[in-house]
PDB file of all heavy atoms in Angstrom:
ATOM      1  N   VAL A   1     117.889  63.114 -43.429  1.00  0.00           N
ATOM      2  CA  VAL A   1     116.598  62.262 -43.127  1.00  0.00           C
ATOM      3  C   VAL A   1     115.461  62.831 -43.790  1.00  0.00           C
ATOM      4  O   VAL A   1     115.051  63.981 -43.689  1.00  0.00           O
ATOM      5  CB  VAL A   1     116.435  62.327 -41.531  1.00  0.00           C
ATOM      6  CG1 VAL A   1     115.217  61.574 -41.148  1.00  0.00           C
ATOM      7  CG2 VAL A   1     117.714  61.788 -40.726  1.00  0.00           C
ATOM      8  N   SER A   2     114.807  61.994 -44.539  1.00  0.00           N
ATOM      9  CA  SER A   2     113.727  62.382 -45.346  1.00  0.00           C
ATOM     10  C   SER A   2     112.447  62.274 -44.561  1.00  0.00           C
ATOM     11  O   SER A   2     112.433  61.584 -43.508  1.00  0.00           O
ATOM     12  CB  SER A   2     113.568  61.523 -46.705  1.00  0.00           C
ATOM     13  OG  SER A   2     113.401  60.176 -46.330  1.00  0.00           O
ATOM     14  N   ARG A   3     111.356  62.993 -44.924  1.00  0.00           N
ATOM     15  CA  ARG A   3     110.104  62.908 -44.276  1.00  0.00           C
ATOM     16  C   ARG A   3     108.967  62.601 -45.253  1.00  0.00           C
ATOM     17  O   ARG A   3     109.045  63.215 -46.340  1.00  0.00           O
ATOM     18  CB  ARG A   3     109.814  64.089 -43.350  1.00  0.00           C
ATOM     19  CG  ARG A   3     109.693  65.511 -44.218  1.00  0.00           C
ATOM     20  CD  ARG A   3     109.445  66.468 -43.142  1.00  0.00           C
ATOM     21  NE  ARG A   3     109.342  67.923 -43.641  1.00  0.00           N
ATOM     22  CZ  ARG A   3     110.254  68.780 -43.824  1.00  0.00           C
ATOM     23  NH1 ARG A   3     111.517  68.484 -43.427  1.00  0.00           N
ATOM     24  NH2 ARG A   3     110.075  69.886 -44.443  1.00  0.00           N
ATOM     25  N   HIS A   4     107.986  61.812 -44.851  1.00  0.00           N
ATOM     26  CA  HIS A   4     106.939  61.362 -45.582  1.00  0.00           C
ATOM     27  C   HIS A   4     105.765  61.425 -44.794  1.00  0.00           C
ATOM     28  O   HIS A   4     105.686  61.098 -43.624  1.00  0.00           O
ATOM     29  CB  HIS A   4     107.231  59.931 -46.136  1.00  0.00           C
ATOM     30  CG  HIS A   4     108.666  59.777 -46.731  1.00  0.00           C
ATOM     31  ND1 HIS A   4     108.907  60.087 -48.071  1.00  0.00           N
ATOM     32  CD2 HIS A   4     109.846  59.445 -46.137  1.00  0.00           C
ATOM     33  CE1 HIS A   4     110.181  59.954 -48.280  1.00  0.00           C
ATOM     34  NE2 HIS A   4     110.765  59.538 -47.233  1.00  0.00           N
ATOM     35  N   PHE A   5     104.643  61.805 -45.399  1.00  0.00           N
ATOM     36  CA  PHE A   5     103.308  61.920 -44.592  1.00  0.00           C
ATOM     37  C   PHE A   5     102.265  60.859 -45.044  1.00  0.00           C
ATOM     38  O   PHE A   5     102.178  60.481 -46.117  1.00  0.00           O
ATOM     39  CB  PHE A   5     102.685  63.371 -44.962  1.00  0.00           C
ATOM     40  CG  PHE A   5     103.593  64.442 -44.454  1.00  0.00           C
ATOM     41  CD1 PHE A   5     104.393  65.134 -45.301  1.00  0.00           C
ATOM     42  CD2 PHE A   5     103.503  64.776 -43.061  1.00  0.00           C
ATOM     43  CE1 PHE A   5     105.236  66.207 -44.735  1.00  0.00           C
ATOM     44  CE2 PHE A   5     104.292  65.861 -42.506  1.00  0.00           C
ATOM     45  CZ  PHE A   5     105.163  66.569 -43.342  1.00  0.00           C
ATOM     46  N   VAL A   6     101.667  60.445 -44.053  1.00  0.00           N
ATOM     47  CA  VAL A   6     100.582  59.566 -44.161  1.00  0.00           C
ATOM     48  C   VAL A   6      99.368  60.220 -43.360  1.00  0.00           C
ATOM     49  O   VAL A   6      99.589  61.121 -42.603  1.00  0.00           O
ATOM     50  CB  VAL A   6     100.765  58.179 -43.577  1.00  0.00           C
ATOM     51  CG1 VAL A   6     101.921  57.392 -44.458  1.00  0.00           C
ATOM     52  CG2 VAL A   6     101.161  58.123 -42.125  1.00  0.00           C
ATOM     53  N   THR A   7      98.226  59.679 -43.548  1.00  0.00           N
ATOM     54  CA  THR A   7      97.091  60.158 -42.872  1.00  0.00           C
ATOM     55  C   THR A   7      96.319  59.045 -42.098  1.00  0.00           C
ATOM     56  O   THR A   7      95.864  58.110 -42.723  1.00  0.00           O
ATOM     57  CB  THR A   7      96.064  60.956 -43.765  1.00  0.00           C
ATOM     58  OG1 THR A   7      96.717  61.961 -44.464  1.00  0.00           O
ATOM     59  CG2 THR A   7      94.949  61.604 -42.901  1.00  0.00           C
ATOM     60  N   LEU A   8      96.202  59.084 -40.790  1.00  0.00           N
ATOM     61  CA  LEU A   8      95.374  58.287 -39.931  1.00  0.00           C
ATOM     62  C   LEU A   8      94.510  59.126 -39.146  1.00  0.00           C
ATOM     63  O   LEU A   8      95.010  59.905 -38.223  1.00  0.00           O
ATOM     64  CB  LEU A   8      96.129  57.317 -39.211  1.00  0.00           C
ATOM     65  CG  LEU A   8      95.260  56.193 -38.410  1.00  0.00           C
ATOM     66  CD1 LEU A   8      94.600  55.245 -39.405  1.00  0.00           C
ATOM     67  CD2 LEU A   8      95.917  55.672 -37.297  1.00  0.00           C
ATOM     68  N   HIS A   9      93.148  59.113 -39.346  1.00  0.00           N
ATOM     69  CA  HIS A   9      92.208  59.949 -38.414  1.00  0.00           C
ATOM     70  C   HIS A   9      92.101  59.255 -37.148  1.00  0.00           C
ATOM     71  O   HIS A   9      91.240  58.254 -37.058  1.00  0.00           O
ATOM     72  CB  HIS A   9      90.967  60.184 -39.169  1.00  0.00           C
ATOM     73  CG  HIS A   9      91.078  61.199 -40.389  1.00  0.00           C
ATOM     74  ND1 HIS A   9      91.955  62.188 -40.393  1.00  0.00           N
ATOM     75  CD2 HIS A   9      90.544  61.080 -41.691  1.00  0.00           C
ATOM     76  CE1 HIS A   9      91.825  62.820 -41.536  1.00  0.00           C
ATOM     77  NE2 HIS A   9      90.971  62.200 -42.368  1.00  0.00           N
ATOM     78  N   VAL A  10      92.827  59.687 -36.125  1.00  0.00           N
ATOM     79  CA  VAL A  10      92.657  59.079 -34.807  1.00  0.00           C
ATOM     80  C   VAL A  10      91.294  59.190 -34.215  1.00  0.00           C
ATOM     81  O   VAL A  10      90.832  60.332 -34.198  1.00  0.00           O
ATOM     82  CB  VAL A  10      93.822  59.806 -33.805  1.00  0.00           C
ATOM     83  CG1 VAL A  10      93.890  58.804 -32.634  1.00  0.00           C
ATOM     84  CG2 VAL A  10      95.135  59.889 -34.554  1.00  0.00           C
ATOM     85  N   GLY A  11      90.821  58.097 -33.715  1.00  0.00           N
ATOM     86  CA  GLY A  11      89.464  58.087 -33.089  1.00  0.00           C
ATOM     87  C   GLY A  11      89.448  58.114 -31.671  1.00  0.00           C
ATOM     88  O   GLY A  11      90.519  57.966 -30.937  1.00  0.00           O
ATOM     89  N   ALA A  12      88.276  58.472 -31.041  1.00  0.00           N
ATOM     90  CA  ALA A  12      88.228  58.518 -29.611  1.00  0.00           C
ATOM     91  C   ALA A  12      88.420  57.245 -28.916  1.00  0.00           C
ATOM     92  O   ALA A  12      88.636  57.147 -27.684  1.00  0.00           O
ATOM     93  CB  ALA A  12      86.891  59.121 -29.183  1.00  0.00           C
ATOM     94  N   GLY A  13      88.396  56.048 -29.585  1.00  0.00           N
ATOM     95  CA  GLY A  13      88.592  54.775 -29.051  1.00  0.00           C
ATOM     96  C   GLY A  13      90.038  54.693 -28.502  1.00  0.00           C
ATOM     97  O   GLY A  13      90.275  53.774 -27.600  1.00  0.00           O
ATOM     98  N   THR A  14      90.912  55.532 -28.952  1.00  0.00           N
ATOM     99  CA  THR A  14      92.194  55.553 -28.396  1.00  0.00           C
ATOM    100  C   THR A  14      92.251  55.847 -26.868  1.00  0.00           C
ATOM    101  O   THR A  14      93.205  55.524 -26.168  1.00  0.00           O
ATOM    102  CB  THR A  14      93.181  56.535 -29.075  1.00  0.00           C
ATOM    103  OG1 THR A  14      94.520  56.333 -28.738  1.00  0.00           O
ATOM    104  CG2 THR A  14      92.801  57.987 -28.802  1.00  0.00           C
ATOM    105  N   PHE A  15      91.286  56.578 -26.466  1.00  0.00           N
ATOM    106  CA  PHE A  15      91.170  56.857 -24.956  1.00  0.00           C
ATOM    107  C   PHE A  15      90.461  55.787 -24.143  1.00  0.00           C
ATOM    108  O   PHE A  15      90.529  55.811 -22.865  1.00  0.00           O
ATOM    109  CB  PHE A  15      90.260  58.135 -24.790  1.00  0.00           C
ATOM    110  CG  PHE A  15      90.863  59.315 -25.414  1.00  0.00           C
ATOM    111  CD1 PHE A  15      89.993  60.274 -25.930  1.00  0.00           C
ATOM    112  CD2 PHE A  15      92.240  59.592 -25.476  1.00  0.00           C
ATOM    113  CE1 PHE A  15      90.608  61.423 -26.499  1.00  0.00           C
ATOM    114  CE2 PHE A  15      92.741  60.689 -26.094  1.00  0.00           C
ATOM    115  CZ  PHE A  15      91.917  61.628 -26.608  1.00  0.00           C
ATOM    116  N   LEU A  16      89.811  54.777 -24.779  1.00  0.00           N
ATOM    117  CA  LEU A  16      89.065  53.729 -24.055  1.00  0.00           C
ATOM    118  C   LEU A  16      90.063  52.785 -23.366  1.00  0.00           C
ATOM    119  O   LEU A  16      90.908  52.268 -23.891  1.00  0.00           O
ATOM    120  CB  LEU A  16      88.075  53.022 -25.007  1.00  0.00           C
ATOM    121  CG  LEU A  16      87.040  53.784 -25.720  1.00  0.00           C
ATOM    122  CD1 LEU A  16      86.205  53.018 -26.586  1.00  0.00           C
ATOM    123  CD2 LEU A  16      86.264  54.551 -24.635  1.00  0.00           C
ATOM    124  N   PRO A  17      89.646  52.525 -22.078  1.00  0.00           N
ATOM    125  CA  PRO A  17      90.470  51.372 -21.384  1.00  0.00           C
ATOM    126  C   PRO A  17      90.228  50.079 -21.965  1.00  0.00           C
ATOM    127  O   PRO A  17      89.135  49.806 -22.472  1.00  0.00           O
ATOM    128  CB  PRO A  17      89.994  51.553 -19.923  1.00  0.00           C
ATOM    129  CG  PRO A  17      88.727  52.089 -20.038  1.00  0.00           C
ATOM    130  CD  PRO A  17      88.517  52.985 -21.223  1.00  0.00           C
ATOM    131  N   VAL A  18      91.135  49.155 -21.767  1.00  0.00           N
ATOM    132  CA  VAL A  18      90.886  47.755 -22.075  1.00  0.00           C
ATOM    133  C   VAL A  18      90.204  47.086 -20.877  1.00  0.00           C
ATOM    134  O   VAL A  18      90.693  46.907 -19.800  1.00  0.00           O
ATOM    135  CB  VAL A  18      92.295  47.075 -22.363  1.00  0.00           C
ATOM    136  CG1 VAL A  18      91.961  45.543 -22.543  1.00  0.00           C
ATOM    137  CG2 VAL A  18      92.978  47.724 -23.571  1.00  0.00           C
ATOM    138  N   LYS A  19      88.891  46.755 -20.981  1.00  0.00           N
ATOM    139  CA  LYS A  19      88.042  46.185 -20.019  1.00  0.00           C
ATOM    140  C   LYS A  19      88.265  44.637 -19.935  1.00  0.00           C
ATOM    141  O   LYS A  19      87.842  44.067 -18.931  1.00  0.00           O
ATOM    142  CB  LYS A  19      86.690  46.609 -20.144  1.00  0.00           C
ATOM    143  CG  LYS A  19      86.523  48.246 -19.992  1.00  0.00           C
ATOM    144  CD  LYS A  19      85.011  48.607 -20.108  1.00  0.00           C
ATOM    145  CE  LYS A  19      84.909  50.099 -19.925  1.00  0.00           C
ATOM    146  NZ  LYS A  19      83.483  50.528 -19.995  1.00  0.00           N
ATOM    147  N   ALA A  20      88.607  44.044 -21.115  1.00  0.00           N
ATOM    148  CA  ALA A  20      88.760  42.612 -21.025  1.00  0.00           C
ATOM    149  C   ALA A  20      89.830  42.169 -20.268  1.00  0.00           C
ATOM    150  O   ALA A  20      90.885  42.792 -19.999  1.00  0.00           O
ATOM    151  CB  ALA A  20      88.865  42.117 -22.512  1.00  0.00           C
ATOM    152  N   ASP A  21      89.791  40.933 -19.689  1.00  0.00           N
ATOM    153  CA  ASP A  21      90.911  40.378 -18.979  1.00  0.00           C
ATOM    154  C   ASP A  21      91.968  39.787 -19.788  1.00  0.00           C
ATOM    155  O   ASP A  21      93.134  39.645 -19.501  1.00  0.00           O
ATOM    156  CB  ASP A  21      90.295  39.221 -18.046  1.00  0.00           C
ATOM    157  CG  ASP A  21      89.480  39.752 -17.007  1.00  0.00           C
ATOM    158  OD1 ASP A  21      89.568  40.863 -16.503  1.00  0.00           O
ATOM    159  OD2 ASP A  21      88.433  39.100 -16.550  1.00  0.00           O
ATOM    160  N   ASP A  22      91.525  39.389 -21.047  1.00  0.00           N
ATOM    161  CA  ASP A  22      92.525  38.776 -21.994  1.00  0.00           C
ATOM    162  C   ASP A  22      92.611  39.703 -23.278  1.00  0.00           C
ATOM    163  O   ASP A  22      91.497  40.118 -23.731  1.00  0.00           O
ATOM    164  CB  ASP A  22      92.182  37.434 -22.311  1.00  0.00           C
ATOM    165  CG  ASP A  22      93.205  36.588 -23.043  1.00  0.00           C
ATOM    166  OD1 ASP A  22      93.436  36.836 -24.234  1.00  0.00           O
ATOM    167  OD2 ASP A  22      93.833  35.816 -22.470  1.00  0.00           O
ATOM    168  N   THR A  23      93.719  39.852 -23.913  1.00  0.00           N
ATOM    169  CA  THR A  23      93.849  40.665 -25.011  1.00  0.00           C
ATOM    170  C   THR A  23      93.050  40.171 -26.265  1.00  0.00           C
ATOM    171  O   THR A  23      92.492  40.860 -27.055  1.00  0.00           O
ATOM    172  CB  THR A  23      95.257  40.884 -25.466  1.00  0.00           C
ATOM    173  OG1 THR A  23      95.911  39.525 -25.692  1.00  0.00           O
ATOM    174  CG2 THR A  23      96.170  41.578 -24.440  1.00  0.00           C
ATOM    175  N   ASP A  24      92.848  38.759 -26.279  1.00  0.00           N
ATOM    176  CA  ASP A  24      92.058  38.229 -27.353  1.00  0.00           C
ATOM    177  C   ASP A  24      90.548  38.673 -27.413  1.00  0.00           C
ATOM    178  O   ASP A  24      89.913  38.500 -28.346  1.00  0.00           O
ATOM    179  CB  ASP A  24      92.097  36.681 -27.266  1.00  0.00           C
ATOM    180  CG  ASP A  24      93.462  36.098 -27.653  1.00  0.00           C
ATOM    181  OD1 ASP A  24      94.234  36.882 -28.295  1.00  0.00           O
ATOM    182  OD2 ASP A  24      93.804  34.979 -27.288  1.00  0.00           O
ATOM    183  N   ASP A  25      90.122  39.181 -26.143  1.00  0.00           N
ATOM    184  CA  ASP A  25      88.719  39.593 -26.087  1.00  0.00           C
ATOM    185  C   ASP A  25      88.451  41.034 -26.263  1.00  0.00           C
ATOM    186  O   ASP A  25      87.331  41.492 -26.167  1.00  0.00           O
ATOM    187  CB  ASP A  25      88.300  39.115 -24.761  1.00  0.00           C
ATOM    188  CG  ASP A  25      88.265  37.597 -24.508  1.00  0.00           C
ATOM    189  OD1 ASP A  25      88.055  36.902 -25.414  1.00  0.00           O
ATOM    190  OD2 ASP A  25      88.668  37.215 -23.382  1.00  0.00           O
ATOM    191  N   HIS A  26      89.520  41.710 -26.588  1.00  0.00           N
ATOM    192  CA  HIS A  26      89.508  43.215 -26.792  1.00  0.00           C
ATOM    193  C   HIS A  26      89.122  43.571 -28.254  1.00  0.00           C
ATOM    194  O   HIS A  26      89.760  43.054 -29.170  1.00  0.00           O
ATOM    195  CB  HIS A  26      90.762  43.926 -26.336  1.00  0.00           C
ATOM    196  CG  HIS A  26      90.606  45.459 -26.535  1.00  0.00           C
ATOM    197  ND1 HIS A  26      89.765  46.226 -25.794  1.00  0.00           N
ATOM    198  CD2 HIS A  26      91.243  46.290 -27.355  1.00  0.00           C
ATOM    199  CE1 HIS A  26      89.901  47.523 -26.230  1.00  0.00           C
ATOM    200  NE2 HIS A  26      90.815  47.567 -27.206  1.00  0.00           N
ATOM    201  N   ARG A  27      88.212  44.412 -28.456  1.00  0.00           N
ATOM    202  CA  ARG A  27      87.938  44.858 -29.754  1.00  0.00           C
ATOM    203  C   ARG A  27      88.379  46.343 -30.036  1.00  0.00           C
ATOM    204  O   ARG A  27      88.036  47.170 -29.339  1.00  0.00           O
ATOM    205  CB  ARG A  27      86.325  44.812 -30.062  1.00  0.00           C
ATOM    206  CG  ARG A  27      85.913  45.272 -31.419  1.00  0.00           C
ATOM    207  CD  ARG A  27      84.389  45.181 -31.589  1.00  0.00           C
ATOM    208  NE  ARG A  27      83.709  46.157 -30.864  1.00  0.00           N
ATOM    209  CZ  ARG A  27      83.439  47.415 -31.272  1.00  0.00           C
ATOM    210  NH1 ARG A  27      83.683  47.787 -32.443  1.00  0.00           N
ATOM    211  NH2 ARG A  27      82.743  48.314 -30.428  1.00  0.00           N
ATOM    212  N   MET A  28      89.203  46.437 -31.079  1.00  0.00           N
ATOM    213  CA  MET A  28      89.660  47.719 -31.450  1.00  0.00           C
ATOM    214  C   MET A  28      88.619  48.480 -32.372  1.00  0.00           C
ATOM    215  O   MET A  28      88.054  47.892 -33.152  1.00  0.00           O
ATOM    216  CB  MET A  28      90.987  47.622 -32.264  1.00  0.00           C
ATOM    217  CG  MET A  28      92.202  47.091 -31.428  1.00  0.00           C
ATOM    218  SD  MET A  28      92.887  48.336 -30.342  1.00  0.00           S
ATOM    219  CE  MET A  28      93.788  49.351 -31.533  1.00  0.00           C
ATOM    220  N   HIS A  29      88.498  49.813 -32.163  1.00  0.00           N
ATOM    221  CA  HIS A  29      87.717  50.577 -33.059  1.00  0.00           C
ATOM    222  C   HIS A  29      88.420  50.960 -34.272  1.00  0.00           C
ATOM    223  O   HIS A  29      89.552  51.253 -34.278  1.00  0.00           O
ATOM    224  CB  HIS A  29      87.293  51.879 -32.314  1.00  0.00           C
ATOM    225  CG  HIS A  29      86.183  51.641 -31.299  1.00  0.00           C
ATOM    226  ND1 HIS A  29      86.369  51.293 -29.994  1.00  0.00           N
ATOM    227  CD2 HIS A  29      84.751  51.691 -31.416  1.00  0.00           C
ATOM    228  CE1 HIS A  29      85.218  51.020 -29.364  1.00  0.00           C
ATOM    229  NE2 HIS A  29      84.249  51.322 -30.132  1.00  0.00           N
ATOM    230  N   ALA A  30      87.767  50.661 -35.495  1.00  0.00           N
ATOM    231  CA  ALA A  30      88.385  51.053 -36.698  1.00  0.00           C
ATOM    232  C   ALA A  30      88.751  52.522 -36.920  1.00  0.00           C
ATOM    233  O   ALA A  30      87.868  53.403 -36.414  1.00  0.00           O
ATOM    234  CB  ALA A  30      87.530  50.566 -37.813  1.00  0.00           C
ATOM    235  N   GLU A  31      89.774  52.909 -37.584  1.00  0.00           N
ATOM    236  CA  GLU A  31      90.162  54.294 -37.992  1.00  0.00           C
ATOM    237  C   GLU A  31      90.490  54.316 -39.372  1.00  0.00           C
ATOM    238  O   GLU A  31      91.032  53.382 -39.844  1.00  0.00           O
ATOM    239  CB  GLU A  31      91.386  54.742 -37.095  1.00  0.00           C
ATOM    240  CG  GLU A  31      91.036  54.717 -35.585  1.00  0.00           C
ATOM    241  CD  GLU A  31      92.246  54.883 -34.687  1.00  0.00           C
ATOM    242  OE1 GLU A  31      93.264  54.194 -35.004  1.00  0.00           O
ATOM    243  OE2 GLU A  31      92.316  55.697 -33.819  1.00  0.00           O
ATOM    244  N   TRP A  32      90.133  55.368 -39.994  1.00  0.00           N
ATOM    245  CA  TRP A  32      90.423  55.513 -41.463  1.00  0.00           C
ATOM    246  C   TRP A  32      91.778  56.148 -41.732  1.00  0.00           C
ATOM    247  O   TRP A  32      92.140  57.069 -41.106  1.00  0.00           O
ATOM    248  CB  TRP A  32      89.272  56.339 -42.095  1.00  0.00           C
ATOM    249  CG  TRP A  32      89.473  56.465 -43.692  1.00  0.00           C
ATOM    250  CD1 TRP A  32      88.920  55.604 -44.559  1.00  0.00           C
ATOM    251  CD2 TRP A  32      90.223  57.465 -44.359  1.00  0.00           C
ATOM    252  NE1 TRP A  32      89.284  55.984 -45.784  1.00  0.00           N
ATOM    253  CE2 TRP A  32      90.145  57.082 -45.824  1.00  0.00           C
ATOM    254  CE3 TRP A  32      91.082  58.485 -43.985  1.00  0.00           C
ATOM    255  CZ2 TRP A  32      90.816  57.749 -46.797  1.00  0.00           C
ATOM    256  CZ3 TRP A  32      91.774  59.284 -45.084  1.00  0.00           C
ATOM    257  CH2 TRP A  32      91.480  58.861 -46.412  1.00  0.00           C
ATOM    258  N   GLY A  33      92.486  55.536 -42.616  1.00  0.00           N
ATOM    259  CA  GLY A  33      93.863  56.027 -43.099  1.00  0.00           C
ATOM    260  C   GLY A  33      94.153  55.780 -44.456  1.00  0.00           C
ATOM    261  O   GLY A  33      93.506  55.019 -45.198  1.00  0.00           O
ATOM    262  N   THR A  34      95.203  56.532 -44.902  1.00  0.00           N
ATOM    263  CA  THR A  34      95.671  56.444 -46.238  1.00  0.00           C
ATOM    264  C   THR A  34      97.177  56.515 -46.439  1.00  0.00           C
ATOM    265  O   THR A  34      97.703  57.335 -45.723  1.00  0.00           O
ATOM    266  CB  THR A  34      95.011  57.435 -47.223  1.00  0.00           C
ATOM    267  OG1 THR A  34      95.311  57.312 -48.568  1.00  0.00           O
ATOM    268  CG2 THR A  34      95.267  58.853 -46.799  1.00  0.00           C
ATOM    269  N   VAL A  35      97.725  55.629 -47.139  1.00  0.00           N
ATOM    270  CA  VAL A  35      99.203  55.742 -47.615  1.00  0.00           C
ATOM    271  C   VAL A  35      99.146  55.928 -49.201  1.00  0.00           C
ATOM    272  O   VAL A  35      98.604  55.047 -49.739  1.00  0.00           O
ATOM    273  CB  VAL A  35      99.916  54.493 -47.213  1.00  0.00           C
ATOM    274  CG1 VAL A  35     101.354  54.585 -47.782  1.00  0.00           C
ATOM    275  CG2 VAL A  35      99.800  54.307 -45.754  1.00  0.00           C
ATOM    276  N   SER A  36      99.688  57.083 -49.571  1.00  0.00           N
ATOM    277  CA  SER A  36      99.524  57.331 -51.004  1.00  0.00           C
ATOM    278  C   SER A  36     100.569  56.416 -51.768  1.00  0.00           C
ATOM    279  O   SER A  36     101.578  55.962 -51.220  1.00  0.00           O
ATOM    280  CB  SER A  36      99.934  58.779 -51.349  1.00  0.00           C
ATOM    281  OG  SER A  36     101.199  59.062 -51.057  1.00  0.00           O
ATOM    282  N   PRO A  37     100.285  56.205 -53.029  1.00  0.00           N
ATOM    283  CA  PRO A  37     101.310  55.466 -53.952  1.00  0.00           C
ATOM    284  C   PRO A  37     102.656  56.108 -53.855  1.00  0.00           C
ATOM    285  O   PRO A  37     103.670  55.396 -53.876  1.00  0.00           O
ATOM    286  CB  PRO A  37     100.671  55.440 -55.317  1.00  0.00           C
ATOM    287  CG  PRO A  37      99.264  55.636 -55.031  1.00  0.00           C
ATOM    288  CD  PRO A  37      99.078  56.494 -53.888  1.00  0.00           C
ATOM    289  N   GLU A  38     102.667  57.425 -53.896  1.00  0.00           N
ATOM    290  CA  GLU A  38     104.045  58.211 -53.788  1.00  0.00           C
ATOM    291  C   GLU A  38     104.738  57.777 -52.500  1.00  0.00           C
ATOM    292  O   GLU A  38     106.002  57.586 -52.507  1.00  0.00           O
ATOM    293  CB  GLU A  38     103.810  59.562 -53.940  1.00  0.00           C
ATOM    294  CG  GLU A  38     103.255  59.982 -55.386  1.00  0.00           C
ATOM    295  CD  GLU A  38     101.701  59.781 -55.479  1.00  0.00           C
ATOM    296  OE1 GLU A  38     101.142  59.503 -54.523  1.00  0.00           O
ATOM    297  OE2 GLU A  38     101.186  59.820 -56.574  1.00  0.00           O
ATOM    298  N   THR A  39     104.032  57.918 -51.428  1.00  0.00           N
ATOM    299  CA  THR A  39     104.774  57.684 -50.212  1.00  0.00           C
ATOM    300  C   THR A  39     105.218  56.203 -50.059  1.00  0.00           C
ATOM    301  O   THR A  39     106.225  55.859 -49.520  1.00  0.00           O
ATOM    302  CB  THR A  39     103.738  57.994 -48.856  1.00  0.00           C
ATOM    303  OG1 THR A  39     103.602  59.386 -48.965  1.00  0.00           O
ATOM    304  CG2 THR A  39     104.394  57.524 -47.547  1.00  0.00           C
ATOM    305  N   ALA A  40     104.228  55.314 -50.446  1.00  0.00           N
ATOM    306  CA  ALA A  40     104.648  53.743 -50.379  1.00  0.00           C
ATOM    307  C   ALA A  40     106.012  53.666 -51.267  1.00  0.00           C
ATOM    308  O   ALA A  40     106.926  52.937 -50.834  1.00  0.00           O
ATOM    309  CB  ALA A  40     103.507  52.910 -50.962  1.00  0.00           C
ATOM    310  N   ALA A  41     105.958  54.190 -52.440  1.00  0.00           N
ATOM    311  CA  ALA A  41     107.184  53.972 -53.332  1.00  0.00           C
ATOM    312  C   ALA A  41     108.473  54.558 -52.663  1.00  0.00           C
ATOM    313  O   ALA A  41     109.511  54.018 -52.667  1.00  0.00           O
ATOM    314  CB  ALA A  41     106.884  54.595 -54.708  1.00  0.00           C
TER     315      ALA A  41
END
């Protein structure tokens, strides 16, 4: 089993509850990430 690394800097938004009644009304906070060309290949 091979292993490959990516980077996603997890934000504090992951702790926030969903306050909307419908999923269409929920706004996700953006997080920065990268998948290298080597990992993608």
